[in-house]
Amino acid sequence: MERLEEQIAHLIRTLDDVSDTVARQDAEIAVLTRRVEMLMRREAERDEGAGGSVAMGSERPPHY
């Protein structure tokens, strides 16, 4: 019986550790998702500001 109690205690500790890890990863994913969304908006604004001009392979960029 004592051995089972030890195993249960170990499993509970492992479960708590996994739960903490999942909670931390969830918070990190939320932060990263917000950053990606911000970068996507920023890039979309930059594309709109550029007037949709894209330098093709043989064209010289405007700074030449």
PDB file of N, CA and C in Angstrom:
ATOM      1  N   MET A   1       0.820  -1.190   0.000  1.00  0.00           N
ATOM      2  CA  MET A   1       0.000   0.000   0.000  1.00  0.00           C
ATOM      3  C   MET A   1       0.869   1.260   0.000  1.00  0.00           C
ATOM      4  N   GLU A   2       1.947   1.213   0.772  1.00  0.00           N
ATOM      5  CA  GLU A   2       2.856   2.354   0.850  1.00  0.00           C
ATOM      6  C   GLU A   2       3.487   2.643  -0.511  1.00  0.00           C
ATOM      7  N   ARG A   3       3.830   1.590  -1.238  1.00  0.00           N
ATOM      8  CA  ARG A   3       4.436   1.741  -2.570  1.00  0.00           C
ATOM      9  C   ARG A   3       3.457   2.429  -3.526  1.00  0.00           C
ATOM     10  N   LEU A   4       2.186   2.067  -3.448  1.00  0.00           N
ATOM     11  CA  LEU A   4       1.177   2.703  -4.292  1.00  0.00           C
ATOM     12  C   LEU A   4       1.019   4.184  -3.959  1.00  0.00           C
ATOM     13  N   GLU A   5       1.059   4.503  -2.673  1.00  0.00           N
ATOM     14  CA  GLU A   5       0.967   5.895  -2.270  1.00  0.00           C
ATOM     15  C   GLU A   5       2.147   6.705  -2.796  1.00  0.00           C
ATOM     16  N   GLU A   6       3.333   6.116  -2.773  1.00  0.00           N
ATOM     17  CA  GLU A   6       4.518   6.781  -3.311  1.00  0.00           C
ATOM     18  C   GLU A   6       4.374   7.006  -4.818  1.00  0.00           C
ATOM     19  N   GLN A   7       3.886   5.996  -5.512  1.00  0.00           N
ATOM     20  CA  GLN A   7       3.701   6.128  -6.955  1.00  0.00           C
ATOM     21  C   GLN A   7       2.666   7.201  -7.282  1.00  0.00           C
ATOM     22  N   ILE A   8       1.583   7.228  -6.516  1.00  0.00           N
ATOM     23  CA  ILE A   8       0.549   8.241  -6.732  1.00  0.00           C
ATOM     24  C   ILE A   8       1.113   9.636  -6.468  1.00  0.00           C
ATOM     25  N   ALA A   9       1.898   9.776  -5.406  1.00  0.00           N
ATOM     26  CA  ALA A   9       2.511  11.072  -5.090  1.00  0.00           C
ATOM     27  C   ALA A   9       3.435  11.510  -6.222  1.00  0.00           C
ATOM     28  N   HIS A  10       4.201  10.562  -6.757  1.00  0.00           N
ATOM     29  CA  HIS A  10       5.104  10.862  -7.871  1.00  0.00           C
ATOM     30  C   HIS A  10       4.301  11.282  -9.105  1.00  0.00           C
ATOM     31  N   LEU A  11       3.232  10.564  -9.394  1.00  0.00           N
ATOM     32  CA  LEU A  11       2.401  10.898 -10.553  1.00  0.00           C
ATOM     33  C   LEU A  11       1.739  12.262 -10.394  1.00  0.00           C
ATOM     34  N   ILE A  12       1.305  12.585  -9.195  1.00  0.00           N
ATOM     35  CA  ILE A  12       0.690  13.889  -8.946  1.00  0.00           C
ATOM     36  C   ILE A  12       1.716  14.998  -9.159  1.00  0.00           C
ATOM     37  N   ARG A  13       2.931  14.781  -8.670  1.00  0.00           N
ATOM     38  CA  ARG A  13       3.988  15.787  -8.868  1.00  0.00           C
ATOM     39  C   ARG A  13       4.302  15.947 -10.352  1.00  0.00           C
ATOM     40  N   THR A  14       4.391  14.847 -11.067  1.00  0.00           N
ATOM     41  CA  THR A  14       4.658  14.900 -12.503  1.00  0.00           C
ATOM     42  C   THR A  14       3.527  15.635 -13.228  1.00  0.00           C
ATOM     43  N   LEU A  15       2.306  15.349 -12.859  1.00  0.00           N
ATOM     44  CA  LEU A  15       1.149  16.007 -13.462  1.00  0.00           C
ATOM     45  C   LEU A  15       1.187  17.507 -13.192  1.00  0.00           C
ATOM     46  N   ASP A  16       1.530  17.906 -11.996  1.00  0.00           N
ATOM     47  CA  ASP A  16       1.640  19.330 -11.660  1.00  0.00           C
ATOM     48  C   ASP A  16       2.733  19.997 -12.495  1.00  0.00           C
ATOM     49  N   ASP A  17       3.869  19.314 -12.655  1.00  0.00           N
ATOM     50  CA  ASP A  17       4.960  19.854 -13.471  1.00  0.00           C
ATOM     51  C   ASP A  17       4.521  20.032 -14.925  1.00  0.00           C
ATOM     52  N   VAL A  18       3.843  19.037 -15.456  1.00  0.00           N
ATOM     53  CA  VAL A  18       3.370  19.118 -16.839  1.00  0.00           C
ATOM     54  C   VAL A  18       2.336  20.238 -16.976  1.00  0.00           C
ATOM     55  N   SER A  19       1.471  20.362 -16.006  1.00  0.00           N
ATOM     56  CA  SER A  19       0.459  21.414 -16.028  1.00  0.00           C
ATOM     57  C   SER A  19       1.115  22.792 -16.024  1.00  0.00           C
ATOM     58  N   ASP A  20       2.137  22.977 -15.193  1.00  0.00           N
ATOM     59  CA  ASP A  20       2.859  24.251 -15.158  1.00  0.00           C
ATOM     60  C   ASP A  20       3.525  24.536 -16.498  1.00  0.00           C
ATOM     61  N   THR A  21       4.117  23.518 -17.095  1.00  0.00           N
ATOM     62  CA  THR A  21       4.772  23.677 -18.385  1.00  0.00           C
ATOM     63  C   THR A  21       3.770  24.076 -19.458  1.00  0.00           C
ATOM     64  N   VAL A  22       2.625  23.416 -19.481  1.00  0.00           N
ATOM     65  CA  VAL A  22       1.598  23.727 -20.473  1.00  0.00           C
ATOM     66  C   VAL A  22       1.085  25.159 -20.279  1.00  0.00           C
ATOM     67  N   ALA A  23       0.887  25.579 -19.035  1.00  0.00           N
ATOM     68  CA  ALA A  23       0.420  26.936 -18.760  1.00  0.00           C
ATOM     69  C   ALA A  23       1.455  27.960 -19.229  1.00  0.00           C
ATOM     70  N   ARG A  24       2.722  27.708 -18.972  1.00  0.00           N
ATOM     71  CA  ARG A  24       3.792  28.611 -19.405  1.00  0.00           C
ATOM     72  C   ARG A  24       3.857  28.680 -20.931  1.00  0.00           C
ATOM     73  N   GLN A  25       3.755  27.526 -21.584  1.00  0.00           N
ATOM     74  CA  GLN A  25       3.784  27.498 -23.043  1.00  0.00           C
ATOM     75  C   GLN A  25       2.571  28.213 -23.635  1.00  0.00           C
ATOM     76  N   ASP A  26       1.416  28.088 -22.994  1.00  0.00           N
ATOM     77  CA  ASP A  26       0.225  28.782 -23.468  1.00  0.00           C
ATOM     78  C   ASP A  26       0.436  30.292 -23.423  1.00  0.00           C
ATOM     79  N   ALA A  27       1.035  30.783 -22.351  1.00  0.00           N
ATOM     80  CA  ALA A  27       1.319  32.216 -22.238  1.00  0.00           C
ATOM     81  C   ALA A  27       2.321  32.652 -23.302  1.00  0.00           C
ATOM     82  N   GLU A  28       3.356  31.859 -23.533  1.00  0.00           N
ATOM     83  CA  GLU A  28       4.348  32.182 -24.560  1.00  0.00           C
ATOM     84  C   GLU A  28       3.716  32.203 -25.945  1.00  0.00           C
ATOM     85  N   ILE A  29       2.858  31.240 -26.230  1.00  0.00           N
ATOM     86  CA  ILE A  29       2.180  31.180 -27.529  1.00  0.00           C
ATOM     87  C   ILE A  29       1.309  32.414 -27.717  1.00  0.00           C
ATOM     88  N   ALA A  30       0.624  32.848 -26.658  1.00  0.00           N
ATOM     89  CA  ALA A  30      -0.220  34.041 -26.756  1.00  0.00           C
ATOM     90  C   ALA A  30       0.623  35.270 -27.082  1.00  0.00           C
ATOM     91  N   VAL A  31       1.766  35.427 -26.422  1.00  0.00           N
ATOM     92  CA  VAL A  31       2.651  36.559 -26.693  1.00  0.00           C
ATOM     93  C   VAL A  31       3.171  36.492 -28.133  1.00  0.00           C
ATOM     94  N   LEU A  32       3.612  35.333 -28.547  1.00  0.00           N
ATOM     95  CA  LEU A  32       4.149  35.185 -29.905  1.00  0.00           C
ATOM     96  C   LEU A  32       3.075  35.417 -30.961  1.00  0.00           C
ATOM     97  N   THR A  33       1.854  34.984 -30.691  1.00  0.00           N
ATOM     98  CA  THR A  33       0.757  35.208 -31.627  1.00  0.00           C
ATOM     99  C   THR A  33       0.501  36.702 -31.779  1.00  0.00           C
ATOM    100  N   ARG A  34       0.484  37.439 -30.667  1.00  0.00           N
ATOM    101  CA  ARG A  34       0.289  38.894 -30.744  1.00  0.00           C
ATOM    102  C   ARG A  34       1.420  39.559 -31.522  1.00  0.00           C
ATOM    103  N   ARG A  35       2.647  39.107 -31.315  1.00  0.00           N
ATOM    104  CA  ARG A  35       3.782  39.698 -32.035  1.00  0.00           C
ATOM    105  C   ARG A  35       3.688  39.431 -33.539  1.00  0.00           C
ATOM    106  N   VAL A  36       3.316  38.229 -33.896  1.00  0.00           N
ATOM    107  CA  VAL A  36       3.178  37.900 -35.316  1.00  0.00           C
ATOM    108  C   VAL A  36       2.076  38.745 -35.939  1.00  0.00           C
ATOM    109  N   GLU A  37       0.954  38.883 -35.244  1.00  0.00           N
ATOM    110  CA  GLU A  37      -0.137  39.714 -35.758  1.00  0.00           C
ATOM    111  C   GLU A  37       0.323  41.151 -35.945  1.00  0.00           C
ATOM    112  N   MET A  38       1.078  41.686 -34.979  1.00  0.00           N
ATOM    113  CA  MET A  38       1.594  43.042 -35.084  1.00  0.00           C
ATOM    114  C   MET A  38       2.525  43.175 -36.289  1.00  0.00           C
ATOM    115  N   LEU A  39       3.410  42.207 -36.467  1.00  0.00           N
ATOM    116  CA  LEU A  39       4.337  42.243 -37.595  1.00  0.00           C
ATOM    117  C   LEU A  39       3.597  42.122 -38.923  1.00  0.00           C
ATOM    118  N   MET A  40       2.546  41.314 -38.952  1.00  0.00           N
ATOM    119  CA  MET A  40       1.751  41.186 -40.183  1.00  0.00           C
ATOM    120  C   MET A  40       1.074  42.517 -40.517  1.00  0.00           C
ATOM    121  N   ARG A  41       0.509  43.177 -39.503  1.00  0.00           N
ATOM    122  CA  ARG A  41      -0.121  44.480 -39.738  1.00  0.00           C
ATOM    123  C   ARG A  41       0.917  45.493 -40.210  1.00  0.00           C
ATOM    124  N   ARG A  42       2.073  45.510 -39.550  1.00  0.00           N
ATOM    125  CA  ARG A  42       3.125  46.453 -39.921  1.00  0.00           C
ATOM    126  C   ARG A  42       3.580  46.224 -41.361  1.00  0.00           C
ATOM    127  N   GLU A  43       3.746  44.969 -41.743  1.00  0.00           N
ATOM    128  CA  GLU A  43       4.169  44.661 -43.113  1.00  0.00           C
ATOM    129  C   GLU A  43       3.081  45.042 -44.116  1.00  0.00           C
ATOM    130  N   ALA A  44       1.813  44.812 -43.761  1.00  0.00           N
ATOM    131  CA  ALA A  44       0.713  45.196 -44.646  1.00  0.00           C
ATOM    132  C   ALA A  44       0.689  46.708 -44.831  1.00  0.00           C
ATOM    133  N   GLU A  45       0.912  47.458 -43.751  1.00  0.00           N
ATOM    134  CA  GLU A  45       0.962  48.926 -43.847  1.00  0.00           C
ATOM    135  C   GLU A  45       2.133  49.370 -44.709  1.00  0.00           C
ATOM    136  N   ARG A  46       3.258  48.691 -44.577  1.00  0.00           N
ATOM    137  CA  ARG A  46       4.422  49.052 -45.387  1.00  0.00           C
ATOM    138  C   ARG A  46       4.154  48.769 -46.863  1.00  0.00           C
ATOM    139  N   ASP A  47       3.504  47.643 -47.148  1.00  0.00           N
ATOM    140  CA  ASP A  47       3.151  47.323 -48.530  1.00  0.00           C
ATOM    141  C   ASP A  47       2.192  48.355 -49.107  1.00  0.00           C
ATOM    142  N   GLU A  48       1.210  48.803 -48.317  1.00  0.00           N
ATOM    143  CA  GLU A  48       0.270  49.816 -48.773  1.00  0.00           C
ATOM    144  C   GLU A  48       0.994  51.131 -49.029  1.00  0.00           C
ATOM    145  N   GLY A  49       1.938  51.488 -48.170  1.00  0.00           N
ATOM    146  CA  GLY A  49       2.691  52.732 -48.308  1.00  0.00           C
ATOM    147  C   GLY A  49       3.642  52.722 -49.486  1.00  0.00           C
ATOM    148  N   ALA A  50       4.064  51.548 -49.918  1.00  0.00           N
ATOM    149  CA  ALA A  50       4.998  51.442 -51.038  1.00  0.00           C
ATOM    150  C   ALA A  50       4.277  51.573 -52.368  1.00  0.00           C
ATOM    151  N   GLY A  51       2.971  51.613 -52.344  1.00  0.00           N
ATOM    152  CA  GLY A  51       2.226  51.753 -53.587  1.00  0.00           C
ATOM    153  C   GLY A  51       2.199  50.483 -54.407  1.00  0.00           C
ATOM    154  N   GLY A  52       2.553  49.385 -53.818  1.00  0.00           N
ATOM    155  CA  GLY A  52       2.496  48.111 -54.530  1.00  0.00           C
ATOM    156  C   GLY A  52       3.612  47.916 -55.537  1.00  0.00           C
ATOM    157  N   SER A  53       4.636  48.791 -55.525  1.00  0.00           N
ATOM    158  CA  SER A  53       5.723  48.617 -56.489  1.00  0.00           C
ATOM    159  C   SER A  53       6.687  47.537 -56.002  1.00  0.00           C
ATOM    160  N   VAL A  54       7.031  46.655 -56.901  1.00  0.00           N
ATOM    161  CA  VAL A  54       7.949  45.569 -56.589  1.00  0.00           C
ATOM    162  C   VAL A  54       9.031  45.568 -57.650  1.00  0.00           C
ATOM    163  N   ALA A  55      10.291  45.573 -57.221  1.00  0.00           N
ATOM    164  CA  ALA A  55      11.400  45.537 -58.173  1.00  0.00           C
ATOM    165  C   ALA A  55      11.524  44.129 -58.741  1.00  0.00           C
ATOM    166  N   MET A  56      11.459  44.013 -60.048  1.00  0.00           N
ATOM    167  CA  MET A  56      11.596  42.719 -60.696  1.00  0.00           C
ATOM    168  C   MET A  56      13.077  42.421 -60.929  1.00  0.00           C
ATOM    169  N   GLY A  57      13.382  41.226 -61.356  1.00  0.00           N
ATOM    170  CA  GLY A  57      14.757  40.764 -61.492  1.00  0.00           C
ATOM    171  C   GLY A  57      15.663  41.676 -62.287  1.00  0.00           C
ATOM    172  N   SER A  58      15.239  42.163 -63.448  1.00  0.00           N
ATOM    173  CA  SER A  58      16.116  42.959 -64.303  1.00  0.00           C
ATOM    174  C   SER A  58      15.958  44.457 -64.060  1.00  0.00           C
ATOM    175  N   GLU A  59      14.997  44.881 -63.261  1.00  0.00           N
ATOM    176  CA  GLU A  59      14.787  46.289 -62.997  1.00  0.00           C
ATOM    177  C   GLU A  59      15.745  46.754 -61.895  1.00  0.00           C
ATOM    178  N   ARG A  60      16.198  47.987 -62.036  1.00  0.00           N
ATOM    179  CA  ARG A  60      17.055  48.553 -61.012  1.00  0.00           C
ATOM    180  C   ARG A  60      16.198  49.147 -59.897  1.00  0.00           C
ATOM    181  N   PRO A  61      16.578  48.959 -58.669  1.00  0.00           N
ATOM    182  CA  PRO A  61      15.832  49.561 -57.566  1.00  0.00           C
ATOM    183  C   PRO A  61      15.886  51.081 -57.663  1.00  0.00           C
ATOM    184  N   PRO A  62      14.955  51.814 -57.073  1.00  0.00           N
ATOM    185  CA  PRO A  62      14.889  53.268 -57.202  1.00  0.00           C
ATOM    186  C   PRO A  62      16.092  54.003 -56.629  1.00  0.00           C
ATOM    187  N   HIS A  63      16.874  53.406 -55.756  1.00  0.00           N
ATOM    188  CA  HIS A  63      18.003  54.131 -55.147  1.00  0.00           C
ATOM    189  C   HIS A  63      19.241  54.173 -56.037  1.00  0.00           C
ATOM    190  N   TYR A  64      19.206  53.558 -57.251  1.00  0.00           N
ATOM    191  CA  TYR A  64      20.359  53.615 -58.157  1.00  0.00           C
ATOM    192  C   TYR A  64      20.322  54.863 -58.989  1.00  0.00           C
TER     193      TYR A  64
END
